[in-house]
Amino acid sequence: GTVDGTAYTVVGTGEPVVLVHGVGMTQAVWEP
């Protein structure tokens, strides 16, 4: 989804964990 110009992905259920990437990367870096 996208909210207020922020592209995001939510996968799975349970306790939430947020992964924040570094400079020059995207959320895809966290795929593994």
Full PDB file with SEQRES, HELIX, SHEET, SSBOND, CRYST1, ORIGX, SCALE, CONECT and MASTER records, all heavy atoms in Angstrom:
SEQRES   1 A   32  GLY THR VAL ASP GLY THR ALA TYR THR VAL VAL GLY THR          
SEQRES   2 A   32  GLY GLU PRO VAL VAL LEU VAL HIS GLY VAL GLY MET THR          
SEQRES   3 A   32  GLN ALA VAL TRP GLU PRO                                      
HELIX    1 AA1 GLN A   27  TRP A   30  5                                   4    
SHEET    1 AA1 2 THR A   2  VAL A   3  0                                        
SHEET    2 AA1 2 THR A   6  ALA A   7 -1                                        
CRYST1    1.000    1.000    1.000  90.00  90.00  90.00 P 1           1          
ORIGX1      1.000000  0.000000  0.000000        0.00000                         
ORIGX2      0.000000  1.000000  0.000000        0.00000                         
ORIGX3      0.000000  0.000000  1.000000        0.00000                         
SCALE1      1.000000  0.000000  0.000000        0.00000                         
SCALE2      0.000000  1.000000  0.000000        0.00000                         
SCALE3      0.000000  0.000000  1.000000        0.00000                         
ATOM      1  N   GLY A   1       0.808  -1.200   0.000  1.00  0.00           N  
ATOM      2  CA  GLY A   1       0.000   0.000   0.000  1.00  0.00           C  
ATOM      3  C   GLY A   1       0.843   1.252   0.000  1.00  0.00           C  
ATOM      4  O   GLY A   1       2.070   1.199   0.038  1.00  0.00           O  
ATOM      5  N   THR A   2       0.145   2.365  -0.034  1.00  0.00           N  
ATOM      6  CA  THR A   2       0.775   3.681   0.056  1.00  0.00           C  
ATOM      7  C   THR A   2      -0.115   4.559   0.916  1.00  0.00           C  
ATOM      8  O   THR A   2      -1.331   4.568   0.748  1.00  0.00           O  
ATOM      9  CB  THR A   2       0.926   4.327  -1.341  1.00  0.00           C  
ATOM     10  OG1 THR A   2       1.659   3.447  -2.178  1.00  0.00           O  
ATOM     11  CG2 THR A   2       1.673   5.644  -1.256  1.00  0.00           C  
ATOM     12  N   VAL A   3       0.504   5.276   1.844  1.00  0.00           N  
ATOM     13  CA  VAL A   3      -0.224   6.224   2.670  1.00  0.00           C  
ATOM     14  C   VAL A   3       0.632   7.487   2.801  1.00  0.00           C  
ATOM     15  O   VAL A   3       1.827   7.399   3.097  1.00  0.00           O  
ATOM     16  CB  VAL A   3      -0.601   5.643   4.047  1.00  0.00           C  
ATOM     17  CG1 VAL A   3       0.615   5.261   4.860  1.00  0.00           C  
ATOM     18  CG2 VAL A   3      -1.477   6.601   4.822  1.00  0.00           C  
ATOM     19  N   ASP A   4       0.033   8.625   2.542  1.00  0.00           N  
ATOM     20  CA  ASP A   4       0.734   9.913   2.636  1.00  0.00           C  
ATOM     21  C   ASP A   4       2.065   9.896   1.893  1.00  0.00           C  
ATOM     22  O   ASP A   4       3.059  10.465   2.357  1.00  0.00           O  
ATOM     23  CB  ASP A   4       0.970  10.302   4.102  1.00  0.00           C  
ATOM     24  CG  ASP A   4      -0.325  10.534   4.860  1.00  0.00           C  
ATOM     25  OD1 ASP A   4      -1.310  10.979   4.230  1.00  0.00           O  
ATOM     26  OD2 ASP A   4      -0.359  10.268   6.078  1.00  0.00           O  
ATOM     27  N   GLY A   5       2.116   9.191   0.768  1.00  0.00           N  
ATOM     28  CA  GLY A   5       3.333   9.139  -0.037  1.00  0.00           C  
ATOM     29  C   GLY A   5       4.359   8.132   0.427  1.00  0.00           C  
ATOM     30  O   GLY A   5       5.477   8.098  -0.081  1.00  0.00           O  
ATOM     31  N   THR A   6       4.007   7.294   1.392  1.00  0.00           N  
ATOM     32  CA  THR A   6       4.912   6.255   1.889  1.00  0.00           C  
ATOM     33  C   THR A   6       4.474   4.903   1.350  1.00  0.00           C  
ATOM     34  O   THR A   6       3.361   4.450   1.636  1.00  0.00           O  
ATOM     35  CB  THR A   6       4.922   6.214   3.432  1.00  0.00           C  
ATOM     36  OG1 THR A   6       5.416   7.456   3.931  1.00  0.00           O  
ATOM     37  CG2 THR A   6       5.789   5.073   3.952  1.00  0.00           C  
ATOM     38  N   ALA A   7       5.355   4.258   0.594  1.00  0.00           N  
ATOM     39  CA  ALA A   7       5.086   2.920   0.075  1.00  0.00           C  
ATOM     40  C   ALA A   7       5.490   1.900   1.140  1.00  0.00           C  
ATOM     41  O   ALA A   7       6.578   1.985   1.707  1.00  0.00           O  
ATOM     42  CB  ALA A   7       5.881   2.684  -1.200  1.00  0.00           C  
ATOM     43  N   TYR A   8       4.595   0.940   1.405  1.00  0.00           N  
ATOM     44  CA  TYR A   8       4.862  -0.035   2.453  1.00  0.00           C  
ATOM     45  C   TYR A   8       4.345  -1.417   2.068  1.00  0.00           C  
ATOM     46  O   TYR A   8       3.530  -1.568   1.169  1.00  0.00           O  
ATOM     47  CB  TYR A   8       4.239   0.406   3.779  1.00  0.00           C  
ATOM     48  CG  TYR A   8       2.730   0.412   3.769  1.00  0.00           C  
ATOM     49  CD1 TYR A   8       2.003  -0.722   4.145  1.00  0.00           C  
ATOM     50  CD2 TYR A   8       2.015   1.537   3.388  1.00  0.00           C  
ATOM     51  CE1 TYR A   8       0.618  -0.727   4.130  1.00  0.00           C  
ATOM     52  CE2 TYR A   8       0.637   1.552   3.376  1.00  0.00           C  
ATOM     53  CZ  TYR A   8      -0.054   0.413   3.751  1.00  0.00           C  
ATOM     54  OH  TYR A   8      -1.425   0.414   3.734  1.00  0.00           O  
ATOM     55  N   THR A   9       4.829  -2.413   2.812  1.00  0.00           N  
ATOM     56  CA  THR A   9       4.383  -3.793   2.664  1.00  0.00           C  
ATOM     57  C   THR A   9       4.208  -4.386   4.057  1.00  0.00           C  
ATOM     58  O   THR A   9       5.041  -4.148   4.945  1.00  0.00           O  
ATOM     59  CB  THR A   9       5.418  -4.632   1.879  1.00  0.00           C  
ATOM     60  OG1 THR A   9       5.645  -4.016   0.611  1.00  0.00           O  
ATOM     61  CG2 THR A   9       4.944  -6.062   1.675  1.00  0.00           C  
ATOM     62  N   VAL A  10       3.136  -5.141   4.252  1.00  0.00           N  
ATOM     63  CA  VAL A  10       2.883  -5.844   5.511  1.00  0.00           C  
ATOM     64  C   VAL A  10       2.694  -7.316   5.180  1.00  0.00           C  
ATOM     65  O   VAL A  10       1.902  -7.667   4.307  1.00  0.00           O  
ATOM     66  CB  VAL A  10       1.623  -5.309   6.225  1.00  0.00           C  
ATOM     67  CG1 VAL A  10       1.379  -6.069   7.518  1.00  0.00           C  
ATOM     68  CG2 VAL A  10       1.748  -3.812   6.488  1.00  0.00           C  
ATOM     69  N   VAL A  11       3.447  -8.176   5.888  1.00  0.00           N  
ATOM     70  CA  VAL A  11       3.403  -9.612   5.641  1.00  0.00           C  
ATOM     71  C   VAL A  11       3.324 -10.336   6.984  1.00  0.00           C  
ATOM     72  O   VAL A  11       3.998  -9.953   7.943  1.00  0.00           O  
ATOM     73  CB  VAL A  11       4.671 -10.084   4.889  1.00  0.00           C  
ATOM     74  CG1 VAL A  11       4.636 -11.577   4.627  1.00  0.00           C  
ATOM     75  CG2 VAL A  11       4.859  -9.316   3.592  1.00  0.00           C  
ATOM     76  N   GLY A  12       2.524 -11.386   7.064  1.00  0.00           N  
ATOM     77  CA  GLY A  12       2.471 -12.230   8.250  1.00  0.00           C  
ATOM     78  C   GLY A  12       1.534 -11.705   9.314  1.00  0.00           C  
ATOM     79  O   GLY A  12       0.900 -10.664   9.172  1.00  0.00           O  
ATOM     80  N   THR A  13       1.469 -12.474  10.413  1.00  0.00           N  
ATOM     81  CA  THR A  13       0.646 -12.101  11.559  1.00  0.00           C  
ATOM     82  C   THR A  13       1.435 -12.368  12.833  1.00  0.00           C  
ATOM     83  O   THR A  13       2.364 -13.157  12.850  1.00  0.00           O  
ATOM     84  CB  THR A  13      -0.667 -12.909  11.608  1.00  0.00           C  
ATOM     85  OG1 THR A  13      -0.355 -14.299  11.678  1.00  0.00           O  
ATOM     86  CG2 THR A  13      -1.541 -12.633  10.398  1.00  0.00           C  
ATOM     87  N   GLY A  14       1.029 -11.702  13.887  1.00  0.00           N  
ATOM     88  CA  GLY A  14       1.696 -11.855  15.173  1.00  0.00           C  
ATOM     89  C   GLY A  14       2.204 -10.511  15.659  1.00  0.00           C  
ATOM     90  O   GLY A  14       1.749  -9.456  15.225  1.00  0.00           O  
ATOM     91  N   GLU A  15       3.168 -10.561  16.586  1.00  0.00           N  
ATOM     92  CA  GLU A  15       3.764  -9.336  17.108  1.00  0.00           C  
ATOM     93  C   GLU A  15       4.407  -8.560  15.965  1.00  0.00           C  
ATOM     94  O   GLU A  15       5.167  -9.122  15.182  1.00  0.00           O  
ATOM     95  CB  GLU A  15       4.825  -9.670  18.163  1.00  0.00           C  
ATOM     96  CG  GLU A  15       4.279 -10.330  19.404  1.00  0.00           C  
ATOM     97  CD  GLU A  15       3.489  -9.363  20.269  1.00  0.00           C  
ATOM     98  OE1 GLU A  15       3.848  -8.168  20.331  1.00  0.00           O  
ATOM     99  OE2 GLU A  15       2.494  -9.806  20.871  1.00  0.00           O  
ATOM    100  N   PRO A  16       4.130  -7.257  15.848  1.00  0.00           N  
ATOM    101  CA  PRO A  16       4.681  -6.466  14.748  1.00  0.00           C  
ATOM    102  C   PRO A  16       6.190  -6.223  14.880  1.00  0.00           C  
ATOM    103  O   PRO A  16       6.696  -5.956  15.970  1.00  0.00           O  
ATOM    104  CB  PRO A  16       3.936  -5.132  14.838  1.00  0.00           C  
ATOM    105  CG  PRO A  16       2.752  -5.397  15.695  1.00  0.00           C  
ATOM    106  CD  PRO A  16       3.147  -6.500  16.619  1.00  0.00           C  
ATOM    107  N   VAL A  17       6.860  -6.314  13.743  1.00  0.00           N  
ATOM    108  CA  VAL A  17       8.277  -5.983  13.614  1.00  0.00           C  
ATOM    109  C   VAL A  17       8.399  -5.049  12.417  1.00  0.00           C  
ATOM    110  O   VAL A  17       7.894  -5.356  11.338  1.00  0.00           O  
ATOM    111  CB  VAL A  17       9.146  -7.241  13.384  1.00  0.00           C  
ATOM    112  CG1 VAL A  17      10.598  -6.861  13.124  1.00  0.00           C  
ATOM    113  CG2 VAL A  17       9.046  -8.196  14.554  1.00  0.00           C  
ATOM    114  N   VAL A  18       9.058  -3.915  12.616  1.00  0.00           N  
ATOM    115  CA  VAL A  18       9.268  -2.953  11.536  1.00  0.00           C  
ATOM    116  C   VAL A  18      10.745  -2.964  11.172  1.00  0.00           C  
ATOM    117  O   VAL A  18      11.608  -2.873  12.053  1.00  0.00           O  
ATOM    118  CB  VAL A  18       8.858  -1.524  11.960  1.00  0.00           C  
ATOM    119  CG1 VAL A  18       9.053  -0.548  10.807  1.00  0.00           C  
ATOM    120  CG2 VAL A  18       7.434  -1.493  12.469  1.00  0.00           C  
ATOM    121  N   LEU A  19      11.037  -3.063   9.876  1.00  0.00           N  
ATOM    122  CA  LEU A  19      12.415  -3.067   9.390  1.00  0.00           C  
ATOM    123  C   LEU A  19      12.633  -1.795   8.576  1.00  0.00           C  
ATOM    124  O   LEU A  19      11.913  -1.536   7.611  1.00  0.00           O  
ATOM    125  CB  LEU A  19      12.668  -4.306   8.534  1.00  0.00           C  
ATOM    126  CG  LEU A  19      12.374  -5.648   9.221  1.00  0.00           C  
ATOM    127  CD1 LEU A  19      12.546  -6.800   8.234  1.00  0.00           C  
ATOM    128  CD2 LEU A  19      13.261  -5.846  10.437  1.00  0.00           C  
ATOM    129  N   VAL A  20      13.639  -1.003   8.956  1.00  0.00           N  
ATOM    130  CA  VAL A  20      13.910   0.296   8.334  1.00  0.00           C  
ATOM    131  C   VAL A  20      15.255   0.226   7.613  1.00  0.00           C  
ATOM    132  O   VAL A  20      16.289   0.001   8.243  1.00  0.00           O  
ATOM    133  CB  VAL A  20      13.923   1.429   9.388  1.00  0.00           C  
ATOM    134  CG1 VAL A  20      14.052   2.785   8.716  1.00  0.00           C  
ATOM    135  CG2 VAL A  20      12.687   1.373  10.273  1.00  0.00           C  
ATOM    136  N   HIS A  21      15.240   0.431   6.306  1.00  0.00           N  
ATOM    137  CA  HIS A  21      16.457   0.313   5.496  1.00  0.00           C  
ATOM    138  C   HIS A  21      17.340   1.554   5.588  1.00  0.00           C  
ATOM    139  O   HIS A  21      16.937   2.598   6.107  1.00  0.00           O  
ATOM    140  CB  HIS A  21      16.096   0.016   4.035  1.00  0.00           C  
ATOM    141  CG  HIS A  21      15.376   1.138   3.347  1.00  0.00           C  
ATOM    142  ND1 HIS A  21      16.020   2.239   2.841  1.00  0.00           N  
ATOM    143  CD2 HIS A  21      14.065   1.330   3.090  1.00  0.00           C  
ATOM    144  CE1 HIS A  21      15.149   3.059   2.285  1.00  0.00           C  
ATOM    145  NE2 HIS A  21      13.941   2.531   2.433  1.00  0.00           N  
ATOM    146  N   GLY A  22      18.539   1.440   5.049  1.00  0.00           N  
ATOM    147  CA  GLY A  22      19.497   2.540   5.042  1.00  0.00           C  
ATOM    148  C   GLY A  22      19.454   3.350   3.756  1.00  0.00           C  
ATOM    149  O   GLY A  22      18.641   3.109   2.854  1.00  0.00           O  
ATOM    150  N   VAL A  23      20.364   4.308   3.651  1.00  0.00           N  
ATOM    151  CA  VAL A  23      20.457   5.214   2.506  1.00  0.00           C  
ATOM    152  C   VAL A  23      20.745   4.435   1.226  1.00  0.00           C  
ATOM    153  O   VAL A  23      21.562   3.516   1.209  1.00  0.00           O  
ATOM    154  CB  VAL A  23      21.562   6.266   2.734  1.00  0.00           C  
ATOM    155  CG1 VAL A  23      21.816   7.095   1.489  1.00  0.00           C  
ATOM    156  CG2 VAL A  23      21.207   7.168   3.900  1.00  0.00           C  
ATOM    157  N   GLY A  24      20.055   4.826   0.163  1.00  0.00           N  
ATOM    158  CA  GLY A  24      20.284   4.231  -1.147  1.00  0.00           C  
ATOM    159  C   GLY A  24      19.646   2.868  -1.331  1.00  0.00           C  
ATOM    160  O   GLY A  24      19.873   2.207  -2.341  1.00  0.00           O  
ATOM    161  N   MET A  25      18.866   2.431  -0.377  1.00  0.00           N  
ATOM    162  CA  MET A  25      18.219   1.127  -0.433  1.00  0.00           C  
ATOM    163  C   MET A  25      16.701   1.309  -0.513  1.00  0.00           C  
ATOM    164  O   MET A  25      16.203   2.425  -0.503  1.00  0.00           O  
ATOM    165  CB  MET A  25      18.588   0.304   0.795  1.00  0.00           C  
ATOM    166  CG  MET A  25      20.053   0.044   0.941  1.00  0.00           C  
ATOM    167  SD  MET A  25      20.405  -0.826   2.486  1.00  0.00           S  
ATOM    168  CE  MET A  25      22.170  -0.961   2.367  1.00  0.00           C  
ATOM    169  N   THR A  26      15.992   0.198  -0.562  1.00  0.00           N  
ATOM    170  CA  THR A  26      14.542   0.203  -0.503  1.00  0.00           C  
ATOM    171  C   THR A  26      14.108  -0.912   0.433  1.00  0.00           C  
ATOM    172  O   THR A  26      14.934  -1.706   0.902  1.00  0.00           O  
ATOM    173  CB  THR A  26      13.896  -0.040  -1.890  1.00  0.00           C  
ATOM    174  OG1 THR A  26      14.191  -1.378  -2.308  1.00  0.00           O  
ATOM    175  CG2 THR A  26      14.394   0.970  -2.916  1.00  0.00           C  
ATOM    176  N   GLN A  27      12.814  -1.017   0.634  1.00  0.00           N  
ATOM    177  CA  GLN A  27      12.278  -2.076   1.493  1.00  0.00           C  
ATOM    178  C   GLN A  27      12.654  -3.465   0.996  1.00  0.00           C  
ATOM    179  O   GLN A  27      12.724  -4.418   1.776  1.00  0.00           O  
ATOM    180  CB  GLN A  27      10.770  -1.935   1.628  1.00  0.00           C  
ATOM    181  CG  GLN A  27      10.006  -2.033   0.322  1.00  0.00           C  
ATOM    182  CD  GLN A  27       8.521  -1.854   0.504  1.00  0.00           C  
ATOM    183  OE1 GLN A  27       7.847  -2.728   1.041  1.00  0.00           O  
ATOM    184  NE2 GLN A  27       7.984  -0.723   0.057  1.00  0.00           N  
ATOM    185  N   ALA A  28      12.953  -3.604  -0.293  1.00  0.00           N  
ATOM    186  CA  ALA A  28      13.297  -4.906  -0.868  1.00  0.00           C  
ATOM    187  C   ALA A  28      14.569  -5.500  -0.268  1.00  0.00           C  
ATOM    188  O   ALA A  28      14.744  -6.721  -0.289  1.00  0.00           O  
ATOM    189  CB  ALA A  28      13.445  -4.790  -2.384  1.00  0.00           C  
ATOM    190  N   VAL A  29      15.435  -4.663   0.296  1.00  0.00           N  
ATOM    191  CA  VAL A  29      16.679  -5.160   0.875  1.00  0.00           C  
ATOM    192  C   VAL A  29      16.404  -6.140   2.029  1.00  0.00           C  
ATOM    193  O   VAL A  29      17.216  -7.008   2.333  1.00  0.00           O  
ATOM    194  CB  VAL A  29      17.582  -3.998   1.336  1.00  0.00           C  
ATOM    195  CG1 VAL A  29      17.057  -3.336   2.584  1.00  0.00           C  
ATOM    196  CG2 VAL A  29      19.009  -4.471   1.538  1.00  0.00           C  
ATOM    197  N   TRP A  30      15.242  -6.032   2.640  1.00  0.00           N  
ATOM    198  CA  TRP A  30      14.884  -6.859   3.789  1.00  0.00           C  
ATOM    199  C   TRP A  30      14.218  -8.189   3.401  1.00  0.00           C  
ATOM    200  O   TRP A  30      13.816  -8.953   4.270  1.00  0.00           O  
ATOM    201  CB  TRP A  30      13.932  -6.104   4.712  1.00  0.00           C  
ATOM    202  CG  TRP A  30      14.536  -4.929   5.410  1.00  0.00           C  
ATOM    203  CD1 TRP A  30      14.277  -3.614   5.171  1.00  0.00           C  
ATOM    204  CD2 TRP A  30      15.475  -4.956   6.487  1.00  0.00           C  
ATOM    205  NE1 TRP A  30      14.992  -2.819   6.033  1.00  0.00           N  
ATOM    206  CE2 TRP A  30      15.740  -3.618   6.854  1.00  0.00           C  
ATOM    207  CE3 TRP A  30      16.128  -5.983   7.183  1.00  0.00           C  
ATOM    208  CZ2 TRP A  30      16.622  -3.275   7.873  1.00  0.00           C  
ATOM    209  CZ3 TRP A  30      17.002  -5.642   8.205  1.00  0.00           C  
ATOM    210  CH2 TRP A  30      17.238  -4.306   8.537  1.00  0.00           C  
ATOM    211  N   GLU A  31      14.088  -8.480   2.123  1.00  0.00           N  
ATOM    212  CA  GLU A  31      13.333  -9.653   1.682  1.00  0.00           C  
ATOM    213  C   GLU A  31      13.711 -10.958   2.392  1.00  0.00           C  
ATOM    214  O   GLU A  31      12.813 -11.679   2.855  1.00  0.00           O  
ATOM    215  CB  GLU A  31      13.454  -9.823   0.164  1.00  0.00           C  
ATOM    216  CG  GLU A  31      12.515 -10.866  -0.381  1.00  0.00           C  
ATOM    217  CD  GLU A  31      12.530 -10.917  -1.899  1.00  0.00           C  
ATOM    218  OE1 GLU A  31      12.624  -9.846  -2.536  1.00  0.00           O  
ATOM    219  OE2 GLU A  31      12.447 -12.028  -2.437  1.00  0.00           O  
ATOM    220  N   PRO A  32      14.999 -11.303   2.532  1.00  0.00           N  
ATOM    221  CA  PRO A  32      15.320 -12.561   3.248  1.00  0.00           C  
ATOM    222  C   PRO A  32      14.836 -12.562   4.702  1.00  0.00           C  
ATOM    223  O   PRO A  32      14.348 -13.581   5.202  1.00  0.00           O  
ATOM    224  CB  PRO A  32      16.845 -12.639   3.186  1.00  0.00           C  
ATOM    225  CG  PRO A  32      17.223 -11.779   2.019  1.00  0.00           C  
ATOM    226  CD  PRO A  32      16.200 -10.677   1.985  1.00  0.00           C  
TER     227      PRO A  32                                                      
MASTER        0    0    0    1    2    0    0    6  226    1    0    3          
END                                                                             
